[in-house]
Amino acid sequence: MMSTKRPPWWQGAALPVVVACLLFTQSLSGDFTFDDRAAVKENRDVVQAGAPWKQLLGDDFWGGRADLELSNKSYRCAYVHSMHTAYSLGSGSRREVLTLEARC
């Protein structure tokens, strides 16, 4: 009987990761789309220089006040702060924001 040797676990995971990275890099040259505009480009917590922490902690993910009835109550202040930092350090392009976000 022949023994079959199984490849290391990482070899099975490598191909999907490489394909996903190759496909994702194609999108880096594009502009913000769909909800990226509202979450980044039009979000005062992200684009306003020196946005105070008190404002950031009281706003939802989209930059609206979380205590309002129309707010969807999505609360991700650490993520919004990291987007604000990334936006402040660069020119605000999608590539720069995503590159800085990947490093966090």
N, C-alpha and C. Protein backbone atom coordinates (compact mmCIF):
# COMPACT_ATOMS: atom_id res chain seq x y z
N MET A 1 0.84 -1.17 0.00
CA MET A 1 0.00 0.00 0.00
C MET A 1 0.89 1.24 0.00
N MET A 2 0.52 2.20 -0.85
CA MET A 2 1.29 3.45 -0.94
C MET A 2 0.83 4.44 0.11
N SER A 3 1.78 5.07 0.72
CA SER A 3 1.41 6.11 1.67
C SER A 3 1.34 7.44 0.94
N THR A 4 0.34 8.19 1.29
CA THR A 4 0.20 9.52 0.68
C THR A 4 0.62 10.55 1.71
N LYS A 5 1.51 11.38 1.32
CA LYS A 5 2.01 12.42 2.22
C LYS A 5 1.21 13.69 1.98
N ARG A 6 0.63 14.21 3.03
CA ARG A 6 -0.17 15.43 2.92
C ARG A 6 0.76 16.64 2.92
N PRO A 7 0.45 17.62 2.08
CA PRO A 7 1.27 18.84 2.07
C PRO A 7 1.03 19.63 3.36
N PRO A 8 1.97 20.50 3.71
CA PRO A 8 1.76 21.34 4.90
C PRO A 8 0.49 22.18 4.77
N TRP A 9 -0.12 22.52 5.89
CA TRP A 9 -1.39 23.24 5.90
C TRP A 9 -1.32 24.57 5.17
N TRP A 10 -0.18 25.24 5.23
CA TRP A 10 -0.08 26.57 4.65
C TRP A 10 -0.09 26.54 3.13
N GLN A 11 0.27 25.42 2.53
CA GLN A 11 0.24 25.34 1.07
C GLN A 11 -1.19 25.40 0.54
N GLY A 12 -2.11 24.81 1.27
CA GLY A 12 -3.52 24.87 0.86
C GLY A 12 -4.11 26.26 1.02
N ALA A 13 -3.60 27.03 1.95
CA ALA A 13 -4.11 28.38 2.19
C ALA A 13 -3.41 29.42 1.32
N ALA A 14 -2.25 29.10 0.81
CA ALA A 14 -1.46 30.09 0.07
C ALA A 14 -2.13 30.54 -1.22
N LEU A 15 -2.67 29.63 -1.99
CA LEU A 15 -3.26 29.99 -3.29
C LEU A 15 -4.43 30.97 -3.13
N PRO A 16 -5.42 30.69 -2.26
CA PRO A 16 -6.51 31.68 -2.13
C PRO A 16 -6.03 33.04 -1.63
N VAL A 17 -5.04 33.06 -0.76
CA VAL A 17 -4.52 34.33 -0.25
C VAL A 17 -3.84 35.11 -1.36
N VAL A 18 -3.04 34.44 -2.17
CA VAL A 18 -2.34 35.10 -3.28
C VAL A 18 -3.35 35.62 -4.29
N VAL A 19 -4.35 34.83 -4.64
CA VAL A 19 -5.37 35.26 -5.60
C VAL A 19 -6.14 36.46 -5.05
N ALA A 20 -6.52 36.41 -3.77
CA ALA A 20 -7.26 37.54 -3.17
C ALA A 20 -6.43 38.81 -3.18
N CYS A 21 -5.14 38.70 -2.86
CA CYS A 21 -4.27 39.89 -2.87
C CYS A 21 -4.12 40.45 -4.27
N LEU A 22 -3.96 39.58 -5.26
CA LEU A 22 -3.84 40.05 -6.64
C LEU A 22 -5.11 40.76 -7.10
N LEU A 23 -6.25 40.21 -6.75
CA LEU A 23 -7.51 40.85 -7.13
C LEU A 23 -7.71 42.17 -6.40
N PHE A 24 -7.34 42.22 -5.13
CA PHE A 24 -7.52 43.44 -4.34
C PHE A 24 -6.63 44.57 -4.83
N THR A 25 -5.40 44.26 -5.24
CA THR A 25 -4.49 45.32 -5.68
C THR A 25 -5.02 46.04 -6.91
N GLN A 26 -5.85 45.38 -7.70
CA GLN A 26 -6.44 46.04 -8.87
C GLN A 26 -7.38 47.18 -8.46
N SER A 27 -7.93 47.11 -7.27
CA SER A 27 -8.89 48.13 -6.84
C SER A 27 -8.22 49.33 -6.17
N LEU A 28 -6.94 49.25 -5.87
CA LEU A 28 -6.27 50.34 -5.15
C LEU A 28 -6.18 51.63 -5.96
N SER A 29 -6.17 51.53 -7.26
CA SER A 29 -6.06 52.74 -8.07
C SER A 29 -7.40 53.45 -8.24
N GLY A 30 -8.47 52.82 -7.82
CA GLY A 30 -9.79 53.42 -7.96
C GLY A 30 -10.08 54.44 -6.87
N ASP A 31 -11.21 55.09 -6.99
CA ASP A 31 -11.63 56.09 -6.01
C ASP A 31 -12.53 55.40 -4.98
N PHE A 32 -12.88 56.12 -3.94
CA PHE A 32 -13.82 55.59 -2.97
C PHE A 32 -15.15 55.34 -3.66
N THR A 33 -15.83 54.28 -3.28
CA THR A 33 -17.10 53.94 -3.91
C THR A 33 -18.17 53.67 -2.85
N PHE A 34 -19.37 53.65 -3.30
CA PHE A 34 -20.56 53.29 -2.52
C PHE A 34 -20.52 53.88 -1.12
N ASP A 35 -20.45 53.06 -0.09
CA ASP A 35 -20.49 53.59 1.27
C ASP A 35 -19.16 54.15 1.75
N ASP A 36 -18.06 53.96 0.96
CA ASP A 36 -16.78 54.57 1.31
C ASP A 36 -16.89 56.09 1.32
N ARG A 37 -17.68 56.62 0.41
CA ARG A 37 -17.82 58.08 0.36
C ARG A 37 -18.41 58.61 1.66
N ALA A 38 -19.47 57.96 2.12
CA ALA A 38 -20.12 58.42 3.35
C ALA A 38 -19.26 58.12 4.58
N ALA A 39 -18.57 56.99 4.57
CA ALA A 39 -17.78 56.59 5.74
C ALA A 39 -16.46 57.33 5.85
N VAL A 40 -15.91 57.77 4.72
CA VAL A 40 -14.60 58.42 4.74
C VAL A 40 -14.67 59.84 4.22
N LYS A 41 -15.00 60.02 2.96
CA LYS A 41 -14.92 61.34 2.32
C LYS A 41 -15.90 62.37 2.91
N GLU A 42 -17.08 61.93 3.31
CA GLU A 42 -18.10 62.86 3.81
C GLU A 42 -18.26 62.78 5.33
N ASN A 43 -17.42 62.01 5.99
CA ASN A 43 -17.50 61.84 7.44
C ASN A 43 -16.66 62.93 8.12
N ARG A 44 -17.30 63.83 8.81
CA ARG A 44 -16.59 64.95 9.43
C ARG A 44 -15.61 64.47 10.49
N ASP A 45 -15.86 63.32 11.09
CA ASP A 45 -14.93 62.78 12.09
C ASP A 45 -13.63 62.32 11.45
N VAL A 46 -13.68 61.97 10.18
CA VAL A 46 -12.48 61.51 9.47
C VAL A 46 -11.74 62.67 8.84
N VAL A 47 -12.44 63.54 8.14
CA VAL A 47 -11.78 64.58 7.34
C VAL A 47 -11.53 65.89 8.07
N GLN A 48 -12.21 66.13 9.19
CA GLN A 48 -12.03 67.38 9.92
C GLN A 48 -10.72 67.34 10.70
N ALA A 49 -9.83 68.27 10.40
CA ALA A 49 -8.55 68.34 11.10
C ALA A 49 -8.80 68.66 12.57
N GLY A 50 -8.17 67.90 13.43
CA GLY A 50 -8.29 68.14 14.87
C GLY A 50 -9.66 67.84 15.43
N ALA A 51 -10.34 66.87 14.88
CA ALA A 51 -11.66 66.51 15.40
C ALA A 51 -11.52 66.09 16.86
N PRO A 52 -12.28 66.70 17.76
CA PRO A 52 -12.13 66.40 19.19
C PRO A 52 -12.62 64.99 19.53
N TRP A 53 -11.96 64.38 20.52
CA TRP A 53 -12.32 63.04 20.96
C TRP A 53 -13.77 62.98 21.44
N LYS A 54 -14.22 64.03 22.11
CA LYS A 54 -15.59 64.04 22.63
C LYS A 54 -16.59 63.89 21.49
N GLN A 55 -16.32 64.58 20.38
CA GLN A 55 -17.19 64.48 19.20
C GLN A 55 -17.11 63.07 18.63
N LEU A 56 -15.91 62.54 18.53
CA LEU A 56 -15.72 61.20 17.98
C LEU A 56 -16.45 60.14 18.80
N LEU A 57 -16.40 60.27 20.11
CA LEU A 57 -17.04 59.29 20.98
C LEU A 57 -18.56 59.40 20.97
N GLY A 58 -19.09 60.54 20.57
CA GLY A 58 -20.54 60.72 20.55
C GLY A 58 -21.17 60.49 19.19
N ASP A 59 -20.35 60.20 18.19
CA ASP A 59 -20.86 60.02 16.82
C ASP A 59 -20.85 58.55 16.42
N ASP A 60 -21.72 58.21 15.46
CA ASP A 60 -21.74 56.85 14.94
C ASP A 60 -20.68 56.69 13.84
N PHE A 61 -20.63 55.55 13.23
CA PHE A 61 -19.62 55.24 12.22
C PHE A 61 -19.65 56.20 11.04
N TRP A 62 -20.81 56.71 10.71
CA TRP A 62 -20.98 57.56 9.53
C TRP A 62 -20.75 59.04 9.83
N GLY A 63 -20.46 59.39 11.07
CA GLY A 63 -20.17 60.78 11.42
C GLY A 63 -21.35 61.55 11.96
N GLY A 64 -22.50 60.89 12.04
CA GLY A 64 -23.68 61.54 12.60
C GLY A 64 -23.75 61.32 14.09
N ARG A 65 -24.51 62.14 14.76
CA ARG A 65 -24.64 62.00 16.21
C ARG A 65 -25.37 60.70 16.53
N ALA A 66 -24.79 59.89 17.41
CA ALA A 66 -25.34 58.58 17.73
C ALA A 66 -26.62 58.67 18.55
N ASP A 67 -26.88 59.80 19.19
CA ASP A 67 -28.08 59.92 20.01
C ASP A 67 -29.32 60.33 19.22
N LEU A 68 -29.15 60.61 17.93
CA LEU A 68 -30.30 60.98 17.11
C LEU A 68 -31.09 59.74 16.70
N GLU A 69 -32.38 59.91 16.49
CA GLU A 69 -33.24 58.79 16.10
C GLU A 69 -32.86 58.22 14.73
N LEU A 70 -32.38 59.08 13.82
CA LEU A 70 -32.03 58.63 12.48
C LEU A 70 -30.70 57.87 12.41
N SER A 71 -29.94 57.89 13.48
CA SER A 71 -28.65 57.19 13.50
C SER A 71 -28.89 55.68 13.49
N ASN A 72 -28.03 54.97 12.76
CA ASN A 72 -28.17 53.51 12.77
C ASN A 72 -27.42 52.88 13.95
N LYS A 73 -26.84 53.70 14.79
CA LYS A 73 -26.19 53.28 16.04
C LYS A 73 -24.98 52.37 15.82
N SER A 74 -24.39 52.40 14.63
CA SER A 74 -23.16 51.64 14.42
C SER A 74 -22.03 52.45 15.05
N TYR A 75 -21.40 51.91 16.06
CA TYR A 75 -20.45 52.65 16.87
C TYR A 75 -19.09 51.98 16.79
N ARG A 76 -18.18 52.58 16.04
CA ARG A 76 -16.83 52.03 15.88
C ARG A 76 -15.82 53.17 15.99
N CYS A 77 -15.72 53.74 17.18
CA CYS A 77 -14.90 54.94 17.35
C CYS A 77 -13.42 54.67 17.14
N ALA A 78 -12.90 53.50 17.51
CA ALA A 78 -11.47 53.21 17.31
C ALA A 78 -11.16 53.13 15.81
N TYR A 79 -12.05 52.54 15.04
CA TYR A 79 -11.84 52.45 13.60
C TYR A 79 -11.93 53.83 12.94
N VAL A 80 -12.90 54.62 13.34
CA VAL A 80 -13.03 55.97 12.78
C VAL A 80 -11.81 56.80 13.12
N HIS A 81 -11.30 56.66 14.34
CA HIS A 81 -10.09 57.39 14.72
C HIS A 81 -8.89 56.96 13.88
N SER A 82 -8.77 55.66 13.61
CA SER A 82 -7.65 55.21 12.78
C SER A 82 -7.80 55.71 11.35
N MET A 83 -9.03 55.80 10.83
CA MET A 83 -9.24 56.37 9.50
C MET A 83 -8.90 57.85 9.50
N HIS A 84 -9.25 58.55 10.58
CA HIS A 84 -8.92 59.98 10.70
C HIS A 84 -7.41 60.17 10.68
N THR A 85 -6.69 59.34 11.43
CA THR A 85 -5.24 59.42 11.47
C THR A 85 -4.65 59.14 10.09
N ALA A 86 -5.13 58.09 9.43
CA ALA A 86 -4.64 57.76 8.10
C ALA A 86 -4.92 58.88 7.11
N TYR A 87 -6.11 59.45 7.18
CA TYR A 87 -6.50 60.54 6.29
C TYR A 87 -5.64 61.78 6.55
N SER A 88 -5.35 62.04 7.81
CA SER A 88 -4.54 63.21 8.19
C SER A 88 -3.09 63.08 7.74
N LEU A 89 -2.57 61.88 7.76
CA LEU A 89 -1.17 61.66 7.40
C LEU A 89 -0.92 61.69 5.90
N GLY A 90 -1.95 61.39 5.12
CA GLY A 90 -1.80 61.37 3.67
C GLY A 90 -2.66 62.41 3.01
N SER A 91 -2.80 62.26 1.73
CA SER A 91 -3.63 63.20 0.98
C SER A 91 -5.10 62.81 1.02
N GLY A 92 -5.40 61.67 1.63
CA GLY A 92 -6.78 61.22 1.69
C GLY A 92 -7.17 60.34 0.53
N SER A 93 -6.20 59.87 -0.26
CA SER A 93 -6.55 58.98 -1.36
C SER A 93 -6.92 57.62 -0.81
N ARG A 94 -7.68 56.88 -1.54
CA ARG A 94 -8.12 55.55 -1.11
C ARG A 94 -6.91 54.65 -0.85
N ARG A 95 -5.93 54.71 -1.71
CA ARG A 95 -4.75 53.86 -1.56
C ARG A 95 -4.02 54.17 -0.25
N GLU A 96 -3.84 55.44 0.06
CA GLU A 96 -3.14 55.81 1.29
C GLU A 96 -3.91 55.41 2.53
N VAL A 97 -5.21 55.63 2.53
CA VAL A 97 -6.01 55.28 3.69
C VAL A 97 -5.98 53.76 3.89
N LEU A 98 -6.14 52.99 2.82
CA LEU A 98 -6.13 51.53 2.95
C LEU A 98 -4.76 51.00 3.34
N THR A 99 -3.70 51.61 2.81
CA THR A 99 -2.36 51.17 3.17
C THR A 99 -2.08 51.42 4.64
N LEU A 100 -2.44 52.58 5.14
CA LEU A 100 -2.24 52.88 6.55
C LEU A 100 -3.14 52.03 7.43
N GLU A 101 -4.35 51.75 6.97
CA GLU A 101 -5.25 50.89 7.73
C GLU A 101 -4.71 49.48 7.83
N ALA A 102 -4.09 48.99 6.78
CA ALA A 102 -3.55 47.63 6.79
C ALA A 102 -2.42 47.50 7.80
N ARG A 103 -1.73 48.57 8.06
CA ARG A 103 -0.61 48.54 9.02
C ARG A 103 -1.09 48.54 10.46
N CYS A 104 -2.33 48.97 10.72
CA CYS A 104 -2.84 49.03 12.10
C CYS A 104 -3.17 47.66 12.63
